[in-house]
Amino acid sequence: MALVDFIPPAGQRQIADAITAAERHTTGEICVHVTPRCRGNVVKRATKTFNRLHLYTTKRRNAVLIFVAYEDRKFAILGDTAIHNAVPEGFWDGEVEELGRYLKAGRPVDGLCEIIARIGDRLSQYFPGERDDENELSNEVTFDDLDDDLLDDHNDDYGNME
C-alpha cells in the first residue's frame, strides 16, 4: 500500500492543519511520520527516525513524534528531553490507546487529527504558547519507504494495532 492509499493528499493537508492549530497554544512542536514497515521494535525505530529527522534541534527540546508503520500495524508517540523531564510516567498512554482504536478502525486521518489536538492541549499545560514562538519544524506529514534496518528480535506490544 502506498502512502496516498493510507493517507490521501487531502488527509495529509488535514493533518498539517491540525498540527498548525495544536501548536498555536504551545511552544511544543508536533510531527507525524509514516512508513510502511517496522519489523523490529517500534519505539527503537521511532527513536531512530526522531534523530534522523533532527527533531531534537528545537530550542526548547519539546518536539513530539507520532510514528506510524501502517503495513506492520505499529505506532509510537515520542517526546524529546524537556517533555520527558516535565511529564509523568505513562503520559502518552491515553493517546496511544485512542490512536490505536482509530487506526484499527481504518480511520488514520481522523485518529491522527484527534490525537494531535489532544497532544497540543496536553503540551500547553507544560509548555504554554508564547507571543514570539516560531514554528521550528515543518507541519507536513513526512514519509519514507526505507527498508527497516533496525531489526530487533525483541518486539514489544507498545502501539500495536492488533
N, C-alpha and C. Protein backbone atom coordinates (compact mmCIF):
# COMPACT_ATOMS: atom_id res chain seq x y z
N MET A 1 0.86 -1.18 0.00
CA MET A 1 0.00 0.00 0.00
C MET A 1 0.90 1.24 0.00
N ALA A 2 0.59 2.19 -0.81
CA ALA A 2 1.34 3.44 -0.88
C ALA A 2 0.82 4.42 0.16
N LEU A 3 1.63 5.42 0.45
CA LEU A 3 1.23 6.44 1.41
C LEU A 3 -0.11 7.05 1.05
N VAL A 4 -0.33 7.36 -0.23
CA VAL A 4 -1.58 8.01 -0.64
C VAL A 4 -2.78 7.10 -0.42
N ASP A 5 -2.56 5.79 -0.35
CA ASP A 5 -3.66 4.88 -0.03
C ASP A 5 -3.96 4.89 1.47
N PHE A 6 -2.94 5.12 2.28
CA PHE A 6 -3.11 5.17 3.73
C PHE A 6 -3.60 6.55 4.17
N ILE A 7 -2.94 7.60 3.66
CA ILE A 7 -3.34 8.98 3.94
C ILE A 7 -3.32 9.74 2.63
N PRO A 8 -4.49 9.94 2.02
CA PRO A 8 -4.54 10.66 0.74
C PRO A 8 -4.09 12.12 0.91
N PRO A 9 -3.77 12.80 -0.20
CA PRO A 9 -3.31 14.19 -0.11
C PRO A 9 -4.23 15.10 0.71
N ALA A 10 -5.53 14.97 0.57
CA ALA A 10 -6.45 15.80 1.35
C ALA A 10 -6.30 15.50 2.84
N GLY A 11 -6.10 14.25 3.18
CA GLY A 11 -5.89 13.86 4.58
C GLY A 11 -4.57 14.39 5.11
N GLN A 12 -3.55 14.39 4.27
CA GLN A 12 -2.26 14.96 4.68
C GLN A 12 -2.40 16.45 4.98
N ARG A 13 -3.20 17.15 4.18
CA ARG A 13 -3.45 18.57 4.45
C ARG A 13 -4.21 18.75 5.76
N GLN A 14 -5.20 17.89 6.02
CA GLN A 14 -5.95 17.96 7.28
C GLN A 14 -5.01 17.78 8.47
N ILE A 15 -4.10 16.84 8.36
CA ILE A 15 -3.16 16.58 9.45
C ILE A 15 -2.24 17.78 9.65
N ALA A 16 -1.71 18.35 8.57
CA ALA A 16 -0.87 19.54 8.68
C ALA A 16 -1.65 20.70 9.32
N ASP A 17 -2.91 20.86 8.94
CA ASP A 17 -3.74 21.91 9.54
C ASP A 17 -3.98 21.65 11.02
N ALA A 18 -4.17 20.38 11.39
CA ALA A 18 -4.37 20.02 12.80
C ALA A 18 -3.11 20.34 13.62
N ILE A 19 -1.95 20.09 13.04
CA ILE A 19 -0.69 20.42 13.72
C ILE A 19 -0.59 21.93 13.91
N THR A 20 -0.89 22.68 12.87
CA THR A 20 -0.83 24.14 12.95
C THR A 20 -1.75 24.64 14.06
N ALA A 21 -2.96 24.12 14.12
CA ALA A 21 -3.91 24.53 15.15
C ALA A 21 -3.43 24.14 16.55
N ALA A 22 -2.93 22.94 16.71
CA ALA A 22 -2.47 22.47 18.02
C ALA A 22 -1.29 23.27 18.52
N GLU A 23 -0.41 23.66 17.62
CA GLU A 23 0.80 24.39 18.02
C GLU A 23 0.54 25.85 18.35
N ARG A 24 -0.67 26.34 18.09
CA ARG A 24 -1.00 27.74 18.44
C ARG A 24 -1.01 27.96 19.94
N HIS A 25 -1.21 26.90 20.72
CA HIS A 25 -1.38 27.02 22.17
C HIS A 25 -0.20 26.48 22.95
N THR A 26 0.87 26.09 22.26
CA THR A 26 2.03 25.52 22.93
C THR A 26 3.30 25.86 22.15
N THR A 27 4.41 25.89 22.86
CA THR A 27 5.69 26.03 22.18
C THR A 27 6.16 24.68 21.66
N GLY A 28 5.46 23.61 22.03
CA GLY A 28 5.81 22.28 21.55
C GLY A 28 5.66 22.18 20.04
N GLU A 29 6.42 21.27 19.45
CA GLU A 29 6.38 21.01 18.02
C GLU A 29 5.90 19.58 17.82
N ILE A 30 4.92 19.39 16.94
CA ILE A 30 4.34 18.06 16.70
C ILE A 30 4.64 17.64 15.27
N CYS A 31 5.13 16.43 15.12
CA CYS A 31 5.46 15.88 13.80
C CYS A 31 4.81 14.52 13.64
N VAL A 32 4.39 14.23 12.41
CA VAL A 32 3.83 12.92 12.06
C VAL A 32 4.71 12.34 10.97
N HIS A 33 5.16 11.11 11.19
CA HIS A 33 5.97 10.41 10.20
C HIS A 33 5.36 9.03 9.97
N VAL A 34 5.19 8.67 8.70
CA VAL A 34 4.64 7.35 8.37
C VAL A 34 5.61 6.60 7.47
N THR A 35 5.57 5.31 7.63
CA THR A 35 6.40 4.41 6.84
C THR A 35 5.61 3.11 6.69
N PRO A 36 5.87 2.34 5.66
CA PRO A 36 5.11 1.10 5.52
C PRO A 36 5.49 0.04 6.55
N ARG A 37 6.80 -0.09 6.83
CA ARG A 37 7.24 -1.24 7.61
C ARG A 37 8.04 -0.86 8.85
N CYS A 38 7.92 -1.72 9.84
CA CYS A 38 8.75 -1.69 11.04
C CYS A 38 8.75 -3.10 11.58
N ARG A 39 9.71 -3.87 11.16
CA ARG A 39 9.74 -5.28 11.55
C ARG A 39 10.27 -5.49 12.96
N GLY A 40 10.97 -4.53 13.50
CA GLY A 40 11.56 -4.65 14.82
C GLY A 40 10.77 -3.90 15.87
N ASN A 41 11.47 -3.44 16.88
CA ASN A 41 10.89 -2.72 18.00
C ASN A 41 10.47 -1.32 17.53
N VAL A 42 9.20 -1.02 17.65
CA VAL A 42 8.65 0.24 17.12
C VAL A 42 9.21 1.46 17.84
N VAL A 43 9.47 1.36 19.13
CA VAL A 43 10.00 2.50 19.86
C VAL A 43 11.43 2.78 19.42
N LYS A 44 12.21 1.75 19.22
CA LYS A 44 13.58 1.95 18.73
C LYS A 44 13.57 2.54 17.33
N ARG A 45 12.69 2.06 16.49
CA ARG A 45 12.62 2.60 15.12
C ARG A 45 12.14 4.05 15.14
N ALA A 46 11.17 4.36 15.99
CA ALA A 46 10.68 5.73 16.10
C ALA A 46 11.79 6.65 16.63
N THR A 47 12.57 6.17 17.59
CA THR A 47 13.68 6.94 18.13
C THR A 47 14.71 7.23 17.05
N LYS A 48 15.01 6.22 16.25
CA LYS A 48 15.96 6.41 15.16
C LYS A 48 15.42 7.45 14.16
N THR A 49 14.14 7.39 13.87
CA THR A 49 13.51 8.36 12.96
C THR A 49 13.53 9.75 13.57
N PHE A 50 13.22 9.85 14.85
CA PHE A 50 13.26 11.13 15.57
C PHE A 50 14.63 11.79 15.37
N ASN A 51 15.68 11.00 15.54
CA ASN A 51 17.04 11.53 15.39
C ASN A 51 17.37 11.84 13.94
N ARG A 52 16.96 10.97 13.02
CA ARG A 52 17.25 11.18 11.60
C ARG A 52 16.58 12.45 11.08
N LEU A 53 15.40 12.77 11.60
CA LEU A 53 14.68 13.97 11.20
C LEU A 53 15.13 15.21 11.98
N HIS A 54 16.08 15.03 12.89
CA HIS A 54 16.64 16.13 13.69
C HIS A 54 15.58 16.85 14.53
N LEU A 55 14.65 16.09 15.07
CA LEU A 55 13.60 16.70 15.88
C LEU A 55 14.14 17.18 17.23
N TYR A 56 15.33 16.76 17.59
CA TYR A 56 15.97 17.17 18.84
C TYR A 56 16.58 18.57 18.73
N THR A 57 16.45 19.22 17.59
CA THR A 57 17.09 20.52 17.38
C THR A 57 16.22 21.71 17.78
N THR A 58 15.03 21.47 18.32
CA THR A 58 14.19 22.60 18.71
C THR A 58 14.80 23.32 19.90
N LYS A 59 14.56 24.60 19.97
CA LYS A 59 15.15 25.45 21.00
C LYS A 59 14.82 24.95 22.41
N ARG A 60 13.60 24.50 22.61
CA ARG A 60 13.16 24.10 23.95
C ARG A 60 13.21 22.59 24.18
N ARG A 61 13.62 21.85 23.16
CA ARG A 61 13.70 20.38 23.21
C ARG A 61 12.34 19.77 23.60
N ASN A 62 11.26 20.29 22.96
CA ASN A 62 9.91 19.82 23.28
C ASN A 62 9.14 19.40 22.02
N ALA A 63 9.83 18.68 21.16
CA ALA A 63 9.17 18.13 19.97
C ALA A 63 8.55 16.77 20.30
N VAL A 64 7.50 16.45 19.56
CA VAL A 64 6.81 15.16 19.69
C VAL A 64 6.76 14.53 18.31
N LEU A 65 7.03 13.24 18.26
CA LEU A 65 6.90 12.48 17.02
C LEU A 65 5.80 11.44 17.18
N ILE A 66 4.86 11.46 16.22
CA ILE A 66 3.88 10.38 16.10
C ILE A 66 4.37 9.56 14.92
N PHE A 67 4.80 8.34 15.19
CA PHE A 67 5.40 7.45 14.19
C PHE A 67 4.43 6.32 13.90
N VAL A 68 4.10 6.11 12.61
CA VAL A 68 3.15 5.06 12.23
C VAL A 68 3.77 4.21 11.13
N ALA A 69 3.84 2.89 11.37
CA ALA A 69 4.26 1.92 10.35
C ALA A 69 2.99 1.18 9.94
N TYR A 70 2.33 1.65 8.89
CA TYR A 70 0.97 1.23 8.60
C TYR A 70 0.85 -0.21 8.10
N GLU A 71 1.76 -0.72 7.33
CA GLU A 71 1.63 -2.11 6.87
C GLU A 71 1.87 -3.10 8.00
N ASP A 72 2.76 -2.77 8.91
CA ASP A 72 3.04 -3.65 10.04
C ASP A 72 2.16 -3.36 11.24
N ARG A 73 1.30 -2.34 11.10
CA ARG A 73 0.30 -2.04 12.11
C ARG A 73 0.91 -1.74 13.48
N LYS A 74 1.94 -0.88 13.46
CA LYS A 74 2.61 -0.46 14.69
C LYS A 74 2.72 1.06 14.70
N PHE A 75 2.82 1.62 15.89
CA PHE A 75 2.99 3.05 16.02
C PHE A 75 3.55 3.38 17.39
N ALA A 76 4.08 4.60 17.52
CA ALA A 76 4.63 5.07 18.78
C ALA A 76 4.50 6.59 18.84
N ILE A 77 4.47 7.11 20.06
CA ILE A 77 4.48 8.55 20.29
C ILE A 77 5.68 8.82 21.20
N LEU A 78 6.58 9.68 20.74
CA LEU A 78 7.80 10.01 21.49
C LEU A 78 7.90 11.50 21.71
N GLY A 79 8.38 11.88 22.87
CA GLY A 79 8.66 13.28 23.16
C GLY A 79 10.14 13.48 23.43
N ASP A 80 10.63 14.68 23.16
CA ASP A 80 12.04 15.00 23.38
C ASP A 80 12.33 15.17 24.88
N THR A 81 13.57 15.48 25.16
CA THR A 81 14.10 15.52 26.53
C THR A 81 13.29 16.39 27.48
N ALA A 82 12.98 17.61 27.09
CA ALA A 82 12.25 18.50 28.00
C ALA A 82 10.87 17.95 28.34
N ILE A 83 10.25 17.29 27.41
CA ILE A 83 8.94 16.70 27.69
C ILE A 83 9.08 15.58 28.70
N HIS A 84 10.04 14.69 28.47
CA HIS A 84 10.23 13.57 29.41
C HIS A 84 10.61 14.05 30.80
N ASN A 85 11.32 15.17 30.89
CA ASN A 85 11.68 15.71 32.19
C ASN A 85 10.51 16.38 32.90
N ALA A 86 9.48 16.78 32.15
CA ALA A 86 8.37 17.54 32.72
C ALA A 86 7.12 16.71 33.02
N VAL A 87 6.91 15.64 32.27
CA VAL A 87 5.63 14.92 32.38
C VAL A 87 5.79 13.62 33.17
N PRO A 88 4.69 13.13 33.73
CA PRO A 88 4.75 11.89 34.49
C PRO A 88 4.90 10.66 33.59
N GLU A 89 5.33 9.57 34.20
CA GLU A 89 5.43 8.28 33.52
C GLU A 89 4.06 7.93 32.94
N GLY A 90 4.05 7.37 31.74
CA GLY A 90 2.80 6.96 31.10
C GLY A 90 2.00 8.12 30.52
N PHE A 91 2.64 9.27 30.34
CA PHE A 91 1.96 10.48 29.87
C PHE A 91 1.19 10.25 28.57
N TRP A 92 1.74 9.44 27.65
CA TRP A 92 1.13 9.25 26.34
C TRP A 92 0.18 8.05 26.28
N ASP A 93 0.00 7.33 27.37
CA ASP A 93 -0.78 6.08 27.33
C ASP A 93 -2.18 6.27 26.75
N GLY A 94 -2.88 7.30 27.16
CA GLY A 94 -4.24 7.53 26.65
C GLY A 94 -4.25 7.83 25.16
N GLU A 95 -3.28 8.60 24.70
CA GLU A 95 -3.19 8.93 23.29
C GLU A 95 -2.84 7.69 22.46
N VAL A 96 -1.95 6.87 22.98
CA VAL A 96 -1.58 5.62 22.29
C VAL A 96 -2.81 4.72 22.15
N GLU A 97 -3.55 4.58 23.24
CA GLU A 97 -4.74 3.73 23.22
C GLU A 97 -5.79 4.25 22.22
N GLU A 98 -6.04 5.56 22.26
CA GLU A 98 -7.04 6.16 21.37
C GLU A 98 -6.62 6.08 19.91
N LEU A 99 -5.36 6.40 19.62
CA LEU A 99 -4.88 6.31 18.24
C LEU A 99 -4.98 4.88 17.73
N GLY A 100 -4.69 3.92 18.58
CA GLY A 100 -4.82 2.51 18.19
C GLY A 100 -6.24 2.17 17.76
N ARG A 101 -7.22 2.68 18.47
CA ARG A 101 -8.63 2.42 18.11
C ARG A 101 -8.94 2.99 16.72
N TYR A 102 -8.52 4.21 16.48
CA TYR A 102 -8.76 4.83 15.17
C TYR A 102 -8.07 4.07 14.04
N LEU A 103 -6.81 3.72 14.26
CA LEU A 103 -6.06 3.02 13.22
C LEU A 103 -6.65 1.64 12.95
N LYS A 104 -7.03 0.95 13.99
CA LYS A 104 -7.63 -0.37 13.82
C LYS A 104 -8.95 -0.28 13.05
N ALA A 105 -9.66 0.83 13.23
CA ALA A 105 -10.94 1.04 12.54
C ALA A 105 -10.75 1.55 11.11
N GLY A 106 -9.49 1.74 10.70
CA GLY A 106 -9.23 2.21 9.34
C GLY A 106 -9.49 3.70 9.16
N ARG A 107 -9.35 4.48 10.23
CA ARG A 107 -9.60 5.92 10.18
C ARG A 107 -8.33 6.69 10.60
N PRO A 108 -7.24 6.55 9.83
CA PRO A 108 -5.98 7.17 10.25
C PRO A 108 -6.03 8.70 10.30
N VAL A 109 -6.67 9.33 9.35
CA VAL A 109 -6.69 10.80 9.33
C VAL A 109 -7.47 11.32 10.53
N ASP A 110 -8.65 10.77 10.78
CA ASP A 110 -9.44 11.20 11.94
C ASP A 110 -8.67 10.97 13.23
N GLY A 111 -8.04 9.81 13.34
CA GLY A 111 -7.30 9.48 14.55
C GLY A 111 -6.10 10.39 14.76
N LEU A 112 -5.34 10.61 13.70
CA LEU A 112 -4.16 11.48 13.84
C LEU A 112 -4.58 12.91 14.19
N CYS A 113 -5.62 13.42 13.54
CA CYS A 113 -6.08 14.78 13.85
C CYS A 113 -6.56 14.88 15.30
N GLU A 114 -7.29 13.89 15.76
CA GLU A 114 -7.77 13.89 17.15
C GLU A 114 -6.59 13.84 18.13
N ILE A 115 -5.64 12.96 17.89
CA ILE A 115 -4.51 12.80 18.80
C ILE A 115 -3.62 14.04 18.77
N ILE A 116 -3.44 14.63 17.61
CA ILE A 116 -2.66 15.87 17.51
C ILE A 116 -3.31 16.96 18.37
N ALA A 117 -4.62 17.10 18.30
CA ALA A 117 -5.32 18.10 19.12
C ALA A 117 -5.12 17.80 20.61
N ARG A 118 -5.24 16.54 20.98
CA ARG A 118 -5.06 16.16 22.39
C ARG A 118 -3.63 16.43 22.85
N ILE A 119 -2.66 16.11 22.01
CA ILE A 119 -1.26 16.35 22.37
C ILE A 119 -1.02 17.86 22.53
N GLY A 120 -1.56 18.66 21.62
CA GLY A 120 -1.42 20.11 21.74
C GLY A 120 -1.99 20.63 23.05
N ASP A 121 -3.18 20.16 23.41
CA ASP A 121 -3.80 20.57 24.67
C ASP A 121 -2.94 20.16 25.87
N ARG A 122 -2.46 18.94 25.86
CA ARG A 122 -1.67 18.45 26.98
C ARG A 122 -0.33 19.17 27.07
N LEU A 123 0.31 19.41 25.92
CA LEU A 123 1.59 20.12 25.94
C LEU A 123 1.44 21.55 26.44
N SER A 124 0.29 22.17 26.15
CA SER A 124 0.10 23.57 26.56
C SER A 124 0.12 23.72 28.07
N GLN A 125 -0.16 22.67 28.81
CA GLN A 125 -0.10 22.70 30.27
C GLN A 125 1.34 22.82 30.76
N TYR A 126 2.26 22.24 30.02
CA TYR A 126 3.67 22.22 30.41
C TYR A 126 4.51 23.23 29.63
N PHE A 127 4.10 23.48 28.42
CA PHE A 127 4.83 24.37 27.51
C PHE A 127 3.83 25.31 26.84
N PRO A 128 3.32 26.29 27.60
CA PRO A 128 2.30 27.19 27.02
C PRO A 128 2.86 28.01 25.87
N GLY A 129 1.96 28.42 25.00
CA GLY A 129 2.35 29.24 23.86
C GLY A 129 2.95 30.56 24.31
N GLU A 130 3.81 31.09 23.48
CA GLU A 130 4.44 32.39 23.75
C GLU A 130 4.28 33.27 22.52
N ARG A 131 4.20 34.55 22.75
CA ARG A 131 3.99 35.52 21.67
C ARG A 131 5.02 35.40 20.55
N ASP A 132 6.27 35.23 20.92
CA ASP A 132 7.35 35.22 19.93
C ASP A 132 7.74 33.81 19.47
N ASP A 133 6.93 32.84 19.78
CA ASP A 133 7.25 31.46 19.40
C ASP A 133 7.22 31.31 17.88
N GLU A 134 8.20 30.62 17.36
CA GLU A 134 8.24 30.39 15.92
C GLU A 134 8.09 28.90 15.64
N ASN A 135 7.54 28.60 14.50
CA ASN A 135 7.37 27.21 14.09
C ASN A 135 8.73 26.70 13.62
N GLU A 136 9.32 25.82 14.40
CA GLU A 136 10.68 25.36 14.12
C GLU A 136 10.73 24.14 13.20
N LEU A 137 9.65 23.38 13.13
CA LEU A 137 9.63 22.16 12.32
C LEU A 137 8.44 22.19 11.37
N SER A 138 8.60 21.56 10.25
CA SER A 138 7.51 21.50 9.27
C SER A 138 6.29 20.80 9.86
N ASN A 139 5.12 21.27 9.48
CA ASN A 139 3.87 20.63 9.91
C ASN A 139 3.39 19.58 8.91
N GLU A 140 4.10 19.40 7.83
CA GLU A 140 3.73 18.43 6.80
C GLU A 140 4.04 17.01 7.27
N VAL A 141 3.21 16.06 6.89
CA VAL A 141 3.47 14.65 7.17
C VAL A 141 4.73 14.25 6.42
N THR A 142 5.65 13.59 7.13
CA THR A 142 6.84 13.07 6.46
C THR A 142 6.65 11.57 6.24
N PHE A 143 7.35 11.06 5.24
CA PHE A 143 7.16 9.68 4.82
C PHE A 143 8.48 9.12 4.35
N ASP A 144 8.68 7.84 4.59
CA ASP A 144 9.79 7.14 3.94
C ASP A 144 9.35 5.72 3.65
N ASP A 145 10.02 5.14 2.68
CA ASP A 145 9.76 3.74 2.37
C ASP A 145 11.06 2.95 2.51
N LEU A 146 11.90 3.40 3.46
CA LEU A 146 13.17 2.74 3.72
C LEU A 146 12.94 1.33 4.25
N ASP A 147 13.83 0.42 3.86
CA ASP A 147 13.80 -0.89 4.49
C ASP A 147 14.14 -0.71 5.96
N ASP A 148 13.50 -1.47 6.78
CA ASP A 148 13.73 -1.37 8.21
C ASP A 148 15.11 -1.94 8.53
N ASP A 149 16.07 -1.06 8.76
CA ASP A 149 17.43 -1.52 9.04
C ASP A 149 17.71 -1.63 10.53
N LEU A 150 16.66 -1.51 11.33
CA LEU A 150 16.82 -1.65 12.76
C LEU A 150 16.05 -2.89 13.22
N LEU A 151 16.44 -4.03 12.72
CA LEU A 151 15.76 -5.26 13.10
C LEU A 151 16.11 -5.61 14.53
N ASP A 152 15.11 -5.99 15.27
CA ASP A 152 15.30 -6.28 16.68
C ASP A 152 14.40 -7.46 17.01
N ASP A 153 14.98 -8.50 17.54
CA ASP A 153 14.20 -9.69 17.87
C ASP A 153 13.25 -9.45 19.03
N HIS A 154 13.54 -8.45 19.85
CA HIS A 154 12.65 -8.13 20.96
C HIS A 154 11.55 -7.20 20.46
N ASN A 155 10.41 -7.75 20.18
CA ASN A 155 9.29 -6.98 19.64
C ASN A 155 8.31 -6.71 20.76
N ASP A 156 8.08 -5.46 21.09
CA ASP A 156 7.16 -5.14 22.18
C ASP A 156 5.76 -4.90 21.67
N ASP A 157 4.81 -4.76 22.60
CA ASP A 157 3.41 -4.56 22.24
C ASP A 157 3.01 -3.09 22.21
N TYR A 158 3.91 -2.18 22.55
CA TYR A 158 3.58 -0.75 22.59
C TYR A 158 3.13 -0.31 21.21
N GLY A 159 1.95 0.22 21.13
CA GLY A 159 1.47 0.77 19.89
C GLY A 159 1.16 -0.26 18.82
N ASN A 160 0.75 -1.45 19.22
CA ASN A 160 0.40 -2.48 18.24
C ASN A 160 -1.08 -2.35 17.94
N MET A 161 -1.45 -2.29 16.66
CA MET A 161 -2.85 -2.08 16.27
C MET A 161 -3.67 -3.35 16.34
N GLU A 162 -3.06 -4.47 16.61
CA GLU A 162 -3.80 -5.75 16.60
C GLU A 162 -4.76 -5.85 17.75
